[in-house]
Amino acid sequence: MVIFATTKEGFRELETVIKTGKYLVWIGCNVLSASELDSYREMKLDITNFSYEIDPVNEEELNEALATIAEHHPGERVWLECRP
């Protein structure tokens, strides 16, 4: 499974699960600071950050991001944080 967090709040809600290291994680560029990202990577967590922000209410941006994730992890289930 891939966890796709679009906000810092969403990331924090799943932080305990993320820290298990069992799941791949993708985030928008605004979710973690560079130092936060470095500290998580030092824990050997597989976190990929997009080079741009992803608006959780913009369906087109979410679909493009999901397509990118699918290219890198074909067939994987994705947990997506989004707002109604």
Protein backbone atom coordinates (compact mmCIF):
# COMPACT_ATOMS: atom_id res chain seq x y z
CA MET A 1 0.00 0.00 0.00
CA VAL A 2 1.06 3.57 -0.69
CA ILE A 3 0.08 6.38 1.67
CA PHE A 4 -0.48 9.67 -0.15
CA ALA A 5 -0.70 12.62 2.25
CA THR A 6 -1.56 16.02 0.81
CA THR A 7 -1.37 18.02 4.06
CA LYS A 8 0.77 18.07 7.17
CA GLU A 9 -2.36 17.32 9.23
CA GLY A 10 -3.04 14.19 7.19
CA PHE A 11 0.57 13.11 7.52
CA ARG A 12 0.47 13.62 11.29
CA GLU A 13 -2.76 11.62 11.61
CA LEU A 14 -1.02 8.61 10.04
CA GLU A 15 2.44 9.26 11.49
CA THR A 16 2.29 6.20 13.75
CA VAL A 17 1.48 4.00 10.75
CA ILE A 18 4.09 5.73 8.58
CA LYS A 19 6.80 5.23 11.22
CA THR A 20 6.32 1.46 11.04
CA GLY A 21 8.14 1.60 7.72
CA LYS A 22 5.71 -0.92 6.22
CA TYR A 23 4.31 1.45 3.63
CA LEU A 24 5.55 3.67 0.84
CA VAL A 25 4.69 7.32 1.41
CA TRP A 26 4.17 10.12 -1.10
CA ILE A 27 3.61 13.75 -0.12
CA GLY A 28 3.20 17.17 -1.71
CA CYS A 29 6.15 19.54 -1.40
CA ASN A 30 4.43 21.59 1.29
CA VAL A 31 3.69 18.72 3.68
CA LEU A 32 7.09 18.49 5.41
CA SER A 33 9.99 20.89 5.70
CA ALA A 34 13.35 19.81 4.30
CA SER A 35 14.67 19.08 7.79
CA GLU A 36 11.56 17.06 8.70
CA LEU A 37 11.87 15.07 5.49
CA ASP A 38 15.54 14.41 6.21
CA SER A 39 14.78 13.18 9.72
CA TYR A 40 12.16 10.73 8.43
CA ARG A 41 14.53 9.48 5.76
CA GLU A 42 17.21 8.97 8.41
CA MET A 43 14.72 6.55 9.98
CA LYS A 44 14.90 4.63 6.67
CA LEU A 45 11.31 5.52 5.75
CA ASP A 46 10.50 5.45 2.04
CA ILE A 47 9.05 8.94 1.50
CA THR A 48 8.79 10.48 -1.95
CA ASN A 49 7.90 14.13 -2.21
CA PHE A 50 6.43 15.81 -5.25
CA SER A 51 8.22 18.97 -6.33
CA TYR A 52 4.94 20.88 -6.20
CA GLU A 53 1.98 21.36 -3.87
CA ILE A 54 -1.10 19.18 -4.32
CA ASP A 55 -4.41 20.81 -3.51
CA PRO A 56 -6.53 18.17 -1.76
CA VAL A 57 -9.74 19.64 -3.22
CA ASN A 58 -8.47 19.83 -6.80
CA GLU A 59 -9.57 16.60 -8.49
CA GLU A 60 -7.35 17.16 -11.53
CA GLU A 61 -4.22 17.62 -9.40
CA LEU A 62 -5.09 14.55 -7.34
CA ASN A 63 -5.66 12.43 -10.46
CA GLU A 64 -2.35 13.55 -11.98
CA ALA A 65 -0.52 12.76 -8.74
CA LEU A 66 -2.22 9.36 -8.49
CA ALA A 67 -1.22 8.60 -12.08
CA THR A 68 2.40 9.41 -11.21
CA ILE A 69 2.27 7.19 -8.14
CA ALA A 70 0.74 4.38 -10.23
CA GLU A 71 3.58 4.67 -12.75
CA HIS A 72 6.10 4.09 -9.96
CA HIS A 73 4.08 1.49 -8.03
CA PRO A 74 1.82 -0.36 -10.51
CA GLY A 75 -0.94 -2.39 -8.93
CA GLU A 76 -0.42 -0.94 -5.45
CA ARG A 77 -3.40 0.25 -3.43
CA VAL A 78 -3.19 3.95 -2.53
CA TRP A 79 -4.59 5.50 0.64
CA LEU A 80 -5.44 9.06 -0.38
CA GLU A 81 -6.01 11.94 1.95
CA CYS A 82 -8.50 14.33 0.41
CA ARG A 83 -11.17 16.75 1.49
CA PRO A 84 -14.81 16.49 0.38
